[in-house]
Amino acid sequence: MKFDELDPATQQALEAAAFRRLVSHLRDRPQVQNIDLMRLADFCRNCLGKWLAAAAESQGAPLDKEQARDAIYGMPYATWKAQHQGPEGPPLTPTPLMPTITYDDAPAAIAWLCAAFDFQRKVVYDSPDGRVAHAQLTYGNAMIMVSSSREGPDALLVAPARTGPATAGVYVVVAEVDAHHDKVMAHGATLVRPLTDQHYGGRDYVCRDPFGHLWSFGTFDPWRG
């Protein structure tokens, strides 16, 4: 039976039980900081308190925001902060390293990278002239930043088609590298080094996208040795 096929009273009872379990779970793990929850899941104990207070208000229950928050923490919020809240520390990000790549035709490049390499558009900011001022493309928990090439003395990066050989490349870990290779080749990439079993472990290949940038894809994950 599906959840929404249950009678409303049973649904509400199950939801209430799950909510109480969540609150108990958080109370038992005070080492998990609110800032960590916000960074990773966009919610924290304070959010639960606000939601509880909003629910109380909608039902006309005499529970204000402070009382609702204390109900989540199991104690006054000030007491919890004094006992358990640690320093905020540096911001946590999925990856602190994001290659920046420039293309003469950035809109076309973005479309190709998403179609062939399976990047996902996070955000694309166009400039008034129709070029790409800044774009963020994600691949799992990784990200690259893409923009249109610029002219003039303040142009720090140029596309390889205008400069010859690339001076840097991007390596991406993939699970099914053979299937990935076949898809990328079907989208018109230029093979630079064929699929190769490496002596240090893993299997990879190197290609250039249609705009001249160098990419490597393989199963070797340097984080795991």
N, C-alpha and C. Protein backbone atom coordinates (compact mmCIF):
# COMPACT_ATOMS: atom_id res chain seq x y z
N MET A 1 0.85 -1.20 0.00
CA MET A 1 0.00 0.00 0.00
C MET A 1 0.88 1.25 0.00
N LYS A 2 0.51 2.21 -0.82
CA LYS A 2 1.25 3.46 -0.86
C LYS A 2 0.87 4.34 0.33
N PHE A 3 1.81 5.23 0.69
CA PHE A 3 1.57 6.09 1.84
C PHE A 3 0.31 6.93 1.68
N ASP A 4 0.12 7.49 0.48
CA ASP A 4 -1.03 8.37 0.29
C ASP A 4 -2.35 7.60 0.17
N GLU A 5 -2.28 6.27 0.22
CA GLU A 5 -3.49 5.47 0.23
C GLU A 5 -3.96 5.16 1.65
N LEU A 6 -3.13 5.47 2.64
CA LEU A 6 -3.51 5.29 4.03
C LEU A 6 -4.54 6.34 4.43
N ASP A 7 -5.30 6.04 5.46
CA ASP A 7 -6.27 7.03 5.91
C ASP A 7 -5.54 8.22 6.54
N PRO A 8 -6.13 9.42 6.49
CA PRO A 8 -5.45 10.63 6.97
C PRO A 8 -4.95 10.54 8.40
N ALA A 9 -5.69 9.89 9.28
CA ALA A 9 -5.25 9.80 10.68
C ALA A 9 -3.97 8.97 10.79
N THR A 10 -3.90 7.88 10.03
CA THR A 10 -2.70 7.04 10.06
C THR A 10 -1.51 7.78 9.45
N GLN A 11 -1.73 8.49 8.34
CA GLN A 11 -0.66 9.28 7.74
C GLN A 11 -0.11 10.28 8.75
N GLN A 12 -1.01 10.98 9.42
CA GLN A 12 -0.57 11.99 10.39
C GLN A 12 0.18 11.36 11.54
N ALA A 13 -0.25 10.20 12.00
CA ALA A 13 0.44 9.53 13.10
C ALA A 13 1.84 9.09 12.69
N LEU A 14 1.98 8.59 11.47
CA LEU A 14 3.29 8.17 10.98
C LEU A 14 4.22 9.38 10.79
N GLU A 15 3.68 10.46 10.24
CA GLU A 15 4.48 11.67 10.07
C GLU A 15 4.95 12.22 11.42
N ALA A 16 4.06 12.18 12.42
CA ALA A 16 4.43 12.66 13.75
C ALA A 16 5.51 11.78 14.36
N ALA A 17 5.40 10.46 14.16
CA ALA A 17 6.41 9.54 14.69
C ALA A 17 7.77 9.78 14.02
N ALA A 18 7.75 10.01 12.71
CA ALA A 18 9.00 10.28 12.00
C ALA A 18 9.61 11.59 12.46
N PHE A 19 8.78 12.60 12.70
CA PHE A 19 9.27 13.88 13.19
C PHE A 19 9.91 13.72 14.57
N ARG A 20 9.24 12.97 15.47
CA ARG A 20 9.82 12.75 16.80
C ARG A 20 11.14 11.99 16.71
N ARG A 21 11.22 11.05 15.78
CA ARG A 21 12.47 10.30 15.58
C ARG A 21 13.58 11.22 15.10
N LEU A 22 13.26 12.13 14.19
CA LEU A 22 14.25 13.09 13.70
C LEU A 22 14.75 13.98 14.84
N VAL A 23 13.83 14.50 15.64
CA VAL A 23 14.21 15.37 16.75
C VAL A 23 15.10 14.61 17.73
N SER A 24 14.74 13.36 18.04
CA SER A 24 15.55 12.55 18.94
C SER A 24 16.93 12.28 18.35
N HIS A 25 16.96 12.03 17.04
CA HIS A 25 18.23 11.78 16.34
C HIS A 25 19.16 12.99 16.47
N LEU A 26 18.63 14.18 16.30
CA LEU A 26 19.45 15.39 16.40
C LEU A 26 19.87 15.67 17.84
N ARG A 27 19.00 15.40 18.78
CA ARG A 27 19.37 15.62 20.19
C ARG A 27 20.50 14.70 20.61
N ASP A 28 20.53 13.49 20.05
CA ASP A 28 21.57 12.52 20.40
C ASP A 28 22.89 12.81 19.72
N ARG A 29 22.91 13.79 18.81
CA ARG A 29 24.12 14.09 18.04
C ARG A 29 24.43 15.58 18.09
N PRO A 30 24.67 16.12 19.28
CA PRO A 30 24.94 17.56 19.38
C PRO A 30 26.24 17.97 18.70
N GLN A 31 27.12 16.99 18.42
CA GLN A 31 28.37 17.33 17.74
C GLN A 31 28.13 17.77 16.29
N VAL A 32 26.96 17.41 15.75
CA VAL A 32 26.60 17.87 14.40
C VAL A 32 26.11 19.30 14.52
N GLN A 33 26.91 20.22 14.02
CA GLN A 33 26.62 21.64 14.19
C GLN A 33 25.52 22.10 13.23
N ASN A 34 24.79 23.12 13.66
CA ASN A 34 23.75 23.68 12.80
C ASN A 34 24.33 24.20 11.49
N ILE A 35 25.52 24.80 11.55
CA ILE A 35 26.11 25.36 10.33
C ILE A 35 26.43 24.25 9.33
N ASP A 36 26.79 23.06 9.84
CA ASP A 36 27.05 21.93 8.94
C ASP A 36 25.76 21.48 8.26
N LEU A 37 24.69 21.42 9.03
CA LEU A 37 23.39 21.05 8.45
C LEU A 37 22.97 22.05 7.38
N MET A 38 23.16 23.34 7.65
CA MET A 38 22.76 24.36 6.69
C MET A 38 23.58 24.27 5.42
N ARG A 39 24.86 24.05 5.56
CA ARG A 39 25.73 24.00 4.38
C ARG A 39 25.43 22.78 3.52
N LEU A 40 25.12 21.68 4.15
CA LEU A 40 24.94 20.44 3.42
C LEU A 40 23.49 20.16 3.04
N ALA A 41 22.53 20.62 3.84
CA ALA A 41 21.13 20.26 3.60
C ALA A 41 20.19 21.44 3.58
N ASP A 42 20.70 22.65 3.82
CA ASP A 42 19.87 23.86 3.78
C ASP A 42 18.76 23.83 4.83
N PHE A 43 19.02 23.21 5.97
CA PHE A 43 18.11 23.28 7.10
C PHE A 43 18.90 22.95 8.35
N CYS A 44 18.36 23.33 9.52
CA CYS A 44 19.02 23.01 10.79
C CYS A 44 17.96 22.90 11.88
N ARG A 45 18.41 22.74 13.12
CA ARG A 45 17.48 22.63 14.23
C ARG A 45 16.60 23.87 14.35
N ASN A 46 17.18 25.03 14.09
CA ASN A 46 16.39 26.27 14.17
C ASN A 46 15.27 26.29 13.14
N CYS A 47 15.54 25.72 11.97
CA CYS A 47 14.49 25.63 10.94
C CYS A 47 13.34 24.75 11.44
N LEU A 48 13.68 23.63 12.06
CA LEU A 48 12.63 22.77 12.60
C LEU A 48 11.79 23.50 13.63
N GLY A 49 12.47 24.31 14.47
CA GLY A 49 11.75 25.10 15.46
C GLY A 49 10.79 26.08 14.80
N LYS A 50 11.23 26.74 13.73
CA LYS A 50 10.37 27.68 13.02
C LYS A 50 9.19 26.97 12.38
N TRP A 51 9.45 25.80 11.82
CA TRP A 51 8.36 25.05 11.19
C TRP A 51 7.34 24.59 12.23
N LEU A 52 7.85 24.18 13.39
CA LEU A 52 6.95 23.76 14.46
C LEU A 52 6.10 24.94 14.95
N ALA A 53 6.74 26.10 15.09
CA ALA A 53 6.01 27.29 15.52
C ALA A 53 4.97 27.69 14.49
N ALA A 54 5.31 27.59 13.20
CA ALA A 54 4.35 27.92 12.14
C ALA A 54 3.17 26.97 12.16
N ALA A 55 3.45 25.69 12.40
CA ALA A 55 2.36 24.71 12.48
C ALA A 55 1.46 25.01 13.67
N ALA A 56 2.09 25.38 14.79
CA ALA A 56 1.29 25.72 15.98
C ALA A 56 0.40 26.93 15.71
N GLU A 57 0.96 27.93 15.04
CA GLU A 57 0.18 29.13 14.74
C GLU A 57 -1.00 28.81 13.83
N SER A 58 -0.77 27.94 12.85
CA SER A 58 -1.85 27.59 11.93
C SER A 58 -2.97 26.82 12.62
N GLN A 59 -2.63 26.14 13.72
CA GLN A 59 -3.63 25.37 14.46
C GLN A 59 -4.17 26.12 15.67
N GLY A 60 -3.66 27.34 15.87
CA GLY A 60 -4.11 28.12 17.01
C GLY A 60 -3.58 27.61 18.34
N ALA A 61 -2.47 26.87 18.31
CA ALA A 61 -1.89 26.33 19.54
C ALA A 61 -1.01 27.39 20.20
N PRO A 62 -1.02 27.48 21.54
CA PRO A 62 -0.25 28.51 22.25
C PRO A 62 1.22 28.13 22.39
N LEU A 63 1.95 28.19 21.26
CA LEU A 63 3.38 27.85 21.25
C LEU A 63 4.10 28.88 20.40
N ASP A 64 4.94 29.71 21.05
CA ASP A 64 5.64 30.74 20.29
C ASP A 64 6.94 30.17 19.72
N LYS A 65 7.67 31.01 18.96
CA LYS A 65 8.87 30.54 18.25
C LYS A 65 9.96 30.07 19.21
N GLU A 66 10.15 30.79 20.31
CA GLU A 66 11.18 30.41 21.26
C GLU A 66 10.85 29.08 21.93
N GLN A 67 9.58 28.92 22.30
CA GLN A 67 9.16 27.66 22.93
C GLN A 67 9.27 26.50 21.95
N ALA A 68 8.94 26.75 20.70
CA ALA A 68 9.05 25.70 19.68
C ALA A 68 10.51 25.31 19.47
N ARG A 69 11.39 26.29 19.44
CA ARG A 69 12.81 25.99 19.26
C ARG A 69 13.35 25.19 20.44
N ASP A 70 12.96 25.57 21.65
CA ASP A 70 13.41 24.83 22.84
C ASP A 70 12.90 23.39 22.80
N ALA A 71 11.73 23.19 22.20
CA ALA A 71 11.18 21.84 22.11
C ALA A 71 12.05 20.97 21.20
N ILE A 72 12.63 21.57 20.18
CA ILE A 72 13.51 20.82 19.27
C ILE A 72 14.83 20.49 19.97
N TYR A 73 15.39 21.45 20.67
CA TYR A 73 16.68 21.25 21.33
C TYR A 73 16.56 20.42 22.60
N GLY A 74 15.38 20.37 23.20
CA GLY A 74 15.21 19.66 24.46
C GLY A 74 15.73 20.44 25.64
N MET A 75 16.01 21.69 25.45
CA MET A 75 16.53 22.58 26.48
C MET A 75 16.48 24.00 25.92
N PRO A 76 16.66 25.02 26.74
CA PRO A 76 16.73 26.38 26.20
C PRO A 76 17.86 26.49 25.18
N TYR A 77 17.60 27.23 24.11
CA TYR A 77 18.57 27.36 23.03
C TYR A 77 19.90 27.92 23.54
N ALA A 78 19.85 28.88 24.46
CA ALA A 78 21.07 29.47 25.00
C ALA A 78 21.91 28.42 25.72
N THR A 79 21.24 27.51 26.41
CA THR A 79 21.96 26.44 27.11
C THR A 79 22.64 25.51 26.12
N TRP A 80 21.90 25.15 25.06
CA TRP A 80 22.49 24.26 24.05
C TRP A 80 23.71 24.91 23.40
N LYS A 81 23.59 26.18 23.07
CA LYS A 81 24.71 26.88 22.45
C LYS A 81 25.93 26.87 23.36
N ALA A 82 25.73 27.13 24.65
CA ALA A 82 26.84 27.17 25.58
C ALA A 82 27.50 25.80 25.73
N GLN A 83 26.72 24.74 25.64
CA GLN A 83 27.25 23.40 25.86
C GLN A 83 27.81 22.75 24.60
N HIS A 84 27.22 23.05 23.45
CA HIS A 84 27.53 22.25 22.26
C HIS A 84 27.99 23.02 21.03
N GLN A 85 27.67 24.31 20.93
CA GLN A 85 27.99 24.99 19.68
C GLN A 85 29.47 25.33 19.61
N GLY A 86 30.11 24.87 18.53
CA GLY A 86 31.53 25.13 18.34
C GLY A 86 31.76 26.30 17.41
N PRO A 87 33.02 26.62 17.15
CA PRO A 87 33.33 27.71 16.22
C PRO A 87 32.87 27.35 14.81
N GLU A 88 32.49 28.38 14.06
CA GLU A 88 31.94 28.13 12.74
C GLU A 88 32.97 27.54 11.80
N GLY A 89 34.18 28.00 11.86
CA GLY A 89 35.23 27.47 10.99
C GLY A 89 35.06 27.90 9.55
N PRO A 90 35.95 27.43 8.68
CA PRO A 90 35.88 27.82 7.27
C PRO A 90 34.67 27.19 6.59
N PRO A 91 34.18 27.82 5.53
CA PRO A 91 33.03 27.25 4.83
C PRO A 91 33.36 25.91 4.19
N LEU A 92 32.39 25.01 4.22
CA LEU A 92 32.56 23.71 3.61
C LEU A 92 31.96 23.75 2.21
N THR A 93 32.68 23.25 1.24
CA THR A 93 32.17 23.18 -0.11
C THR A 93 32.41 21.77 -0.64
N PRO A 94 31.61 21.32 -1.60
CA PRO A 94 31.85 19.99 -2.16
C PRO A 94 33.26 19.83 -2.72
N THR A 95 33.80 20.90 -3.30
CA THR A 95 35.19 20.89 -3.77
C THR A 95 35.72 22.31 -3.75
N PRO A 96 36.93 22.53 -3.23
CA PRO A 96 37.47 23.89 -3.18
C PRO A 96 38.23 24.28 -4.44
N LEU A 97 38.34 23.37 -5.40
CA LEU A 97 39.12 23.64 -6.60
C LEU A 97 38.20 23.58 -7.81
N MET A 98 38.08 24.71 -8.54
CA MET A 98 37.18 24.79 -9.68
C MET A 98 37.92 25.35 -10.88
N PRO A 99 38.29 24.52 -11.86
CA PRO A 99 38.97 25.02 -13.05
C PRO A 99 38.13 26.06 -13.78
N THR A 100 38.79 27.08 -14.30
CA THR A 100 38.13 28.12 -15.09
C THR A 100 38.55 27.96 -16.54
N ILE A 101 37.59 27.84 -17.43
CA ILE A 101 37.87 27.54 -18.84
C ILE A 101 37.16 28.58 -19.70
N THR A 102 37.86 29.07 -20.69
CA THR A 102 37.28 30.08 -21.58
C THR A 102 37.14 29.51 -22.99
N TYR A 103 36.06 29.89 -23.66
CA TYR A 103 35.76 29.43 -25.02
C TYR A 103 35.41 30.63 -25.89
N ASP A 104 35.80 30.57 -27.16
CA ASP A 104 35.40 31.62 -28.09
C ASP A 104 33.88 31.63 -28.26
N ASP A 105 33.29 30.44 -28.34
CA ASP A 105 31.83 30.32 -28.46
C ASP A 105 31.34 29.58 -27.22
N ALA A 106 31.26 30.29 -26.11
CA ALA A 106 30.90 29.66 -24.84
C ALA A 106 29.49 29.06 -24.85
N PRO A 107 28.46 29.73 -25.43
CA PRO A 107 27.14 29.10 -25.45
C PRO A 107 27.15 27.73 -26.13
N ALA A 108 27.83 27.64 -27.27
CA ALA A 108 27.91 26.35 -27.97
C ALA A 108 28.71 25.35 -27.15
N ALA A 109 29.77 25.82 -26.51
CA ALA A 109 30.60 24.93 -25.70
C ALA A 109 29.81 24.37 -24.52
N ILE A 110 29.04 25.21 -23.87
CA ILE A 110 28.24 24.75 -22.73
C ILE A 110 27.25 23.68 -23.18
N ALA A 111 26.60 23.91 -24.29
CA ALA A 111 25.64 22.93 -24.81
C ALA A 111 26.35 21.61 -25.10
N TRP A 112 27.54 21.69 -25.67
CA TRP A 112 28.28 20.47 -26.01
C TRP A 112 28.77 19.75 -24.76
N LEU A 113 29.31 20.49 -23.81
CA LEU A 113 29.80 19.87 -22.58
C LEU A 113 28.69 19.14 -21.83
N CYS A 114 27.50 19.71 -21.84
CA CYS A 114 26.38 19.07 -21.15
C CYS A 114 25.91 17.83 -21.92
N ALA A 115 25.90 17.91 -23.24
CA ALA A 115 25.43 16.79 -24.05
C ALA A 115 26.44 15.65 -24.08
N ALA A 116 27.72 15.97 -24.25
CA ALA A 116 28.73 14.94 -24.42
C ALA A 116 29.34 14.47 -23.11
N PHE A 117 29.67 15.39 -22.21
CA PHE A 117 30.37 15.06 -20.97
C PHE A 117 29.42 14.91 -19.77
N ASP A 118 28.15 15.19 -19.98
CA ASP A 118 27.14 15.07 -18.90
C ASP A 118 27.31 16.09 -17.79
N PHE A 119 27.88 17.26 -18.10
CA PHE A 119 27.86 18.35 -17.13
C PHE A 119 26.43 18.85 -16.98
N GLN A 120 26.15 19.48 -15.86
CA GLN A 120 24.84 20.07 -15.59
C GLN A 120 24.98 21.58 -15.42
N ARG A 121 24.08 22.33 -16.03
CA ARG A 121 24.10 23.78 -15.86
C ARG A 121 23.63 24.13 -14.45
N LYS A 122 24.46 24.82 -13.71
CA LYS A 122 24.04 25.35 -12.41
C LYS A 122 23.55 26.78 -12.59
N VAL A 123 24.34 27.57 -13.28
CA VAL A 123 23.94 28.94 -13.57
C VAL A 123 24.72 29.43 -14.78
N VAL A 124 24.09 30.25 -15.60
CA VAL A 124 24.75 30.87 -16.76
C VAL A 124 24.34 32.33 -16.79
N TYR A 125 25.33 33.22 -16.72
CA TYR A 125 25.08 34.66 -16.78
C TYR A 125 25.55 35.18 -18.13
N ASP A 126 24.62 35.71 -18.91
CA ASP A 126 24.96 36.25 -20.22
C ASP A 126 25.36 37.72 -20.09
N SER A 127 26.26 38.15 -20.95
CA SER A 127 26.61 39.56 -21.03
C SER A 127 25.69 40.23 -22.04
N PRO A 128 25.62 41.56 -22.06
CA PRO A 128 24.70 42.25 -22.98
C PRO A 128 24.91 41.91 -24.45
N ASP A 129 26.12 41.53 -24.82
CA ASP A 129 26.39 41.22 -26.23
C ASP A 129 26.08 39.77 -26.59
N GLY A 130 25.46 39.03 -25.67
CA GLY A 130 25.07 37.67 -25.96
C GLY A 130 26.13 36.63 -25.64
N ARG A 131 27.29 37.06 -25.19
CA ARG A 131 28.34 36.13 -24.80
C ARG A 131 28.10 35.69 -23.36
N VAL A 132 28.90 34.77 -22.88
CA VAL A 132 28.75 34.26 -21.53
C VAL A 132 29.72 34.97 -20.60
N ALA A 133 29.18 35.73 -19.67
CA ALA A 133 30.03 36.42 -18.71
C ALA A 133 30.58 35.45 -17.67
N HIS A 134 29.74 34.53 -17.23
CA HIS A 134 30.16 33.55 -16.22
C HIS A 134 29.15 32.43 -16.20
N ALA A 135 29.65 31.19 -16.17
CA ALA A 135 28.77 30.03 -16.07
C ALA A 135 29.38 29.03 -15.09
N GLN A 136 28.52 28.30 -14.42
CA GLN A 136 28.95 27.25 -13.50
C GLN A 136 28.31 25.94 -13.96
N LEU A 137 29.15 24.97 -14.28
CA LEU A 137 28.69 23.65 -14.70
C LEU A 137 29.15 22.63 -13.67
N THR A 138 28.26 21.77 -13.24
CA THR A 138 28.60 20.79 -12.23
C THR A 138 28.71 19.40 -12.83
N TYR A 139 29.54 18.58 -12.16
CA TYR A 139 29.70 17.17 -12.53
C TYR A 139 29.81 16.42 -11.21
N GLY A 140 28.70 15.86 -10.75
CA GLY A 140 28.70 15.29 -9.40
C GLY A 140 28.93 16.40 -8.39
N ASN A 141 29.94 16.23 -7.55
CA ASN A 141 30.25 17.28 -6.57
C ASN A 141 31.39 18.18 -7.04
N ALA A 142 31.72 18.11 -8.32
CA ALA A 142 32.75 18.97 -8.89
C ALA A 142 32.11 20.07 -9.72
N MET A 143 32.90 21.08 -10.04
CA MET A 143 32.39 22.21 -10.81
C MET A 143 33.51 22.79 -11.66
N ILE A 144 33.13 23.25 -12.86
CA ILE A 144 34.01 24.09 -13.66
C ILE A 144 33.30 25.41 -13.91
N MET A 145 34.08 26.45 -14.14
CA MET A 145 33.55 27.76 -14.47
C MET A 145 33.90 28.07 -15.92
N VAL A 146 32.92 28.49 -16.68
CA VAL A 146 33.09 28.71 -18.12
C VAL A 146 32.72 30.14 -18.46
N SER A 147 33.46 30.74 -19.37
CA SER A 147 33.13 32.09 -19.83
C SER A 147 33.56 32.24 -21.28
N SER A 148 33.07 33.29 -21.92
CA SER A 148 33.50 33.61 -23.28
C SER A 148 34.85 34.29 -23.24
N SER A 149 35.64 34.04 -24.28
CA SER A 149 36.95 34.69 -24.39
C SER A 149 36.79 36.20 -24.47
N ARG A 150 37.76 36.90 -23.95
CA ARG A 150 37.73 38.36 -23.97
C ARG A 150 38.91 38.88 -24.77
N GLU A 151 38.77 40.08 -25.25
CA GLU A 151 39.85 40.75 -25.98
C GLU A 151 40.49 41.80 -25.08
N GLY A 152 41.70 42.20 -25.42
CA GLY A 152 42.33 43.30 -24.71
C GLY A 152 43.34 42.86 -23.66
N PRO A 153 44.02 43.81 -23.06
CA PRO A 153 45.10 43.50 -22.12
C PRO A 153 44.63 42.84 -20.83
N ASP A 154 43.34 42.96 -20.50
CA ASP A 154 42.85 42.35 -19.26
C ASP A 154 42.34 40.94 -19.48
N ALA A 155 42.54 40.39 -20.67
CA ALA A 155 42.12 39.02 -20.97
C ALA A 155 43.16 38.05 -20.40
N LEU A 156 42.84 37.44 -19.28
CA LEU A 156 43.79 36.54 -18.63
C LEU A 156 43.82 35.16 -19.27
N LEU A 157 42.72 34.75 -19.88
CA LEU A 157 42.62 33.44 -20.50
C LEU A 157 42.14 33.59 -21.93
N VAL A 158 42.65 32.75 -22.82
CA VAL A 158 42.18 32.72 -24.19
C VAL A 158 41.94 31.26 -24.58
N ALA A 159 41.12 31.05 -25.58
CA ALA A 159 40.81 29.70 -26.02
C ALA A 159 42.00 29.09 -26.74
N PRO A 160 42.22 27.78 -26.63
CA PRO A 160 43.39 27.16 -27.26
C PRO A 160 43.40 27.26 -28.77
N ALA A 161 42.22 27.41 -29.39
CA ALA A 161 42.18 27.53 -30.85
C ALA A 161 42.95 28.75 -31.32
N ARG A 162 43.14 29.75 -30.44
CA ARG A 162 43.86 30.97 -30.81
C ARG A 162 45.30 30.95 -30.35
N THR A 163 45.67 29.95 -29.57
CA THR A 163 47.03 29.96 -29.02
C THR A 163 47.81 28.69 -29.34
N GLY A 164 47.17 27.71 -29.97
CA GLY A 164 47.87 26.47 -30.25
C GLY A 164 47.64 25.46 -29.14
N PRO A 165 48.68 24.71 -28.75
CA PRO A 165 48.50 23.67 -27.75
C PRO A 165 47.99 24.22 -26.42
N ALA A 166 47.15 23.41 -25.76
CA ALA A 166 46.65 23.82 -24.45
C ALA A 166 47.77 23.73 -23.42
N THR A 167 47.74 24.60 -22.44
CA THR A 167 48.75 24.59 -21.39
C THR A 167 48.26 23.88 -20.14
N ALA A 168 47.01 23.44 -20.13
CA ALA A 168 46.47 22.71 -18.99
C ALA A 168 45.30 21.87 -19.46
N GLY A 169 44.96 20.85 -18.68
CA GLY A 169 43.82 20.01 -19.00
C GLY A 169 43.06 19.66 -17.74
N VAL A 170 41.91 19.05 -17.91
CA VAL A 170 41.07 18.67 -16.78
C VAL A 170 40.94 17.15 -16.77
N TYR A 171 41.15 16.55 -15.58
CA TYR A 171 40.98 15.11 -15.42
C TYR A 171 39.70 14.86 -14.64
N VAL A 172 38.86 13.95 -15.14
CA VAL A 172 37.57 13.66 -14.51
C VAL A 172 37.48 12.17 -14.25
N VAL A 173 37.13 11.79 -13.02
CA VAL A 173 36.94 10.39 -12.66
C VAL A 173 35.55 9.93 -13.09
N VAL A 174 35.49 8.85 -13.85
CA VAL A 174 34.22 8.28 -14.27
C VAL A 174 34.23 6.78 -13.96
N ALA A 175 33.06 6.22 -13.74
CA ALA A 175 32.97 4.80 -13.37
C ALA A 175 33.05 3.90 -14.60
N GLU A 176 32.28 4.22 -15.63
CA GLU A 176 32.22 3.40 -16.84
C GLU A 176 32.94 4.13 -17.97
N VAL A 177 34.25 4.03 -17.97
CA VAL A 177 35.02 4.86 -18.88
C VAL A 177 34.86 4.42 -20.34
N ASP A 178 34.67 3.13 -20.60
CA ASP A 178 34.51 2.68 -21.99
C ASP A 178 33.23 3.24 -22.60
N ALA A 179 32.14 3.16 -21.86
CA ALA A 179 30.88 3.72 -22.36
C ALA A 179 30.98 5.22 -22.49
N HIS A 180 31.67 5.86 -21.54
CA HIS A 180 31.85 7.31 -21.60
C HIS A 180 32.63 7.68 -22.86
N HIS A 181 33.70 6.95 -23.14
CA HIS A 181 34.52 7.18 -24.33
C HIS A 181 33.68 7.10 -25.60
N ASP A 182 32.85 6.06 -25.70
CA ASP A 182 32.06 5.88 -26.91
C ASP A 182 31.07 7.02 -27.10
N LYS A 183 30.45 7.48 -26.02
CA LYS A 183 29.49 8.58 -26.11
C LYS A 183 30.19 9.87 -26.54
N VAL A 184 31.34 10.15 -25.91
CA VAL A 184 32.06 11.39 -26.22
C VAL A 184 32.53 11.39 -27.67
N MET A 185 33.05 10.26 -28.15
CA MET A 185 33.50 10.19 -29.53
C MET A 185 32.32 10.39 -30.50
N ALA A 186 31.15 9.87 -30.12
CA ALA A 186 29.97 10.04 -30.97
C ALA A 186 29.54 11.49 -31.06
N HIS A 187 29.93 12.30 -30.05
CA HIS A 187 29.58 13.73 -30.06
C HIS A 187 30.66 14.58 -30.76
N GLY A 188 31.67 13.94 -31.32
CA GLY A 188 32.62 14.68 -32.14
C GLY A 188 33.89 15.13 -31.47
N ALA A 189 34.23 14.57 -30.31
CA ALA A 189 35.51 14.91 -29.68
C ALA A 189 36.65 14.30 -30.50
N THR A 190 37.83 14.88 -30.34
CA THR A 190 39.01 14.38 -31.04
C THR A 190 39.83 13.55 -30.06
N LEU A 191 40.06 12.28 -30.39
CA LEU A 191 40.82 11.40 -29.51
C LEU A 191 42.30 11.75 -29.57
N VAL A 192 42.89 12.00 -28.42
CA VAL A 192 44.32 12.32 -28.32
C VAL A 192 45.11 11.10 -27.87
N ARG A 193 44.59 10.38 -26.90
CA ARG A 193 45.21 9.13 -26.44
C ARG A 193 44.11 8.12 -26.22
N PRO A 194 44.22 6.94 -26.84
CA PRO A 194 43.12 5.96 -26.75
C PRO A 194 42.98 5.39 -25.34
N LEU A 195 41.90 4.67 -25.14
CA LEU A 195 41.69 4.00 -23.87
C LEU A 195 42.89 3.14 -23.52
N THR A 196 43.43 3.35 -22.32
CA THR A 196 44.67 2.69 -21.92
C THR A 196 44.57 2.23 -20.47
N ASP A 197 44.97 1.00 -20.21
CA ASP A 197 45.11 0.52 -18.84
C ASP A 197 46.44 1.01 -18.30
N GLN A 198 46.41 1.82 -17.28
CA GLN A 198 47.63 2.45 -16.77
C GLN A 198 48.34 1.56 -15.74
N HIS A 199 49.65 1.67 -15.70
CA HIS A 199 50.43 0.84 -14.78
C HIS A 199 50.18 1.21 -13.32
N TYR A 200 49.76 2.46 -13.08
CA TYR A 200 49.50 2.90 -11.71
C TYR A 200 48.07 2.63 -11.27
N GLY A 201 47.31 1.98 -12.15
CA GLY A 201 45.93 1.65 -11.83
C GLY A 201 44.97 2.49 -12.63
N GLY A 202 43.81 1.92 -12.92
CA GLY A 202 42.79 2.66 -13.65
C GLY A 202 42.96 2.54 -15.15
N ARG A 203 41.97 3.04 -15.82
CA ARG A 203 41.90 3.00 -17.29
C ARG A 203 41.38 4.36 -17.73
N ASP A 204 42.02 4.96 -18.73
CA ASP A 204 41.61 6.31 -19.11
C ASP A 204 41.85 6.57 -20.58
N TYR A 205 41.35 7.73 -21.01
CA TYR A 205 41.61 8.22 -22.36
C TYR A 205 41.68 9.74 -22.31
N VAL A 206 42.27 10.33 -23.34
CA VAL A 206 42.42 11.77 -23.43
C VAL A 206 41.81 12.23 -24.75
N CYS A 207 41.10 13.35 -24.71
CA CYS A 207 40.48 13.89 -25.92
C CYS A 207 40.50 15.41 -25.88
N ARG A 208 40.22 15.99 -27.02
CA ARG A 208 39.98 17.43 -27.11
C ARG A 208 38.51 17.65 -27.46
N ASP A 209 37.90 18.61 -26.79
CA ASP A 209 36.54 18.96 -27.20
C ASP A 209 36.61 19.72 -28.53
N PRO A 210 35.50 19.93 -29.19
CA PRO A 210 35.53 20.58 -30.51
C PRO A 210 36.11 21.99 -30.49
N PHE A 211 36.34 22.54 -29.31
CA PHE A 211 36.82 23.91 -29.19
C PHE A 211 38.30 23.97 -28.81
N GLY A 212 38.94 22.79 -28.69
CA GLY A 212 40.38 22.74 -28.49
C GLY A 212 40.87 22.43 -27.10
N HIS A 213 39.99 22.37 -26.11
CA HIS A 213 40.44 22.11 -24.74
C HIS A 213 40.71 20.62 -24.53
N LEU A 214 41.68 20.35 -23.67
CA LEU A 214 42.15 18.99 -23.41
C LEU A 214 41.44 18.42 -22.17
N TRP A 215 40.91 17.20 -22.31
CA TRP A 215 40.19 16.53 -21.22
C TRP A 215 40.68 15.09 -21.09
N SER A 216 40.80 14.65 -19.84
CA SER A 216 41.12 13.25 -19.56
C SER A 216 39.99 12.65 -18.72
N PHE A 217 39.59 11.45 -19.06
CA PHE A 217 38.55 10.73 -18.32
C PHE A 217 39.07 9.35 -17.98
N GLY A 218 38.90 8.95 -16.72
CA GLY A 218 39.42 7.65 -16.33
C GLY A 218 38.83 7.14 -15.04
N THR A 219 39.15 5.88 -14.73
CA THR A 219 38.63 5.25 -13.52
C THR A 219 39.57 5.40 -12.33
N PHE A 220 40.77 5.89 -12.53
CA PHE A 220 41.71 6.06 -11.41
C PHE A 220 41.29 7.25 -10.57
N ASP A 221 41.07 7.00 -9.28
CA ASP A 221 40.69 8.05 -8.34
C ASP A 221 41.88 8.31 -7.43
N PRO A 222 42.59 9.41 -7.63
CA PRO A 222 43.79 9.69 -6.82
C PRO A 222 43.49 9.88 -5.34
N TRP A 223 42.23 10.18 -4.99
CA TRP A 223 41.89 10.30 -3.57
C TRP A 223 41.93 8.95 -2.87
N ARG A 224 41.77 7.89 -3.63
CA ARG A 224 41.72 6.55 -3.04
C ARG A 224 43.00 5.76 -3.26
N GLY A 225 43.99 6.41 -3.84
CA GLY A 225 45.27 5.75 -3.98
C GLY A 225 45.37 4.92 -5.24
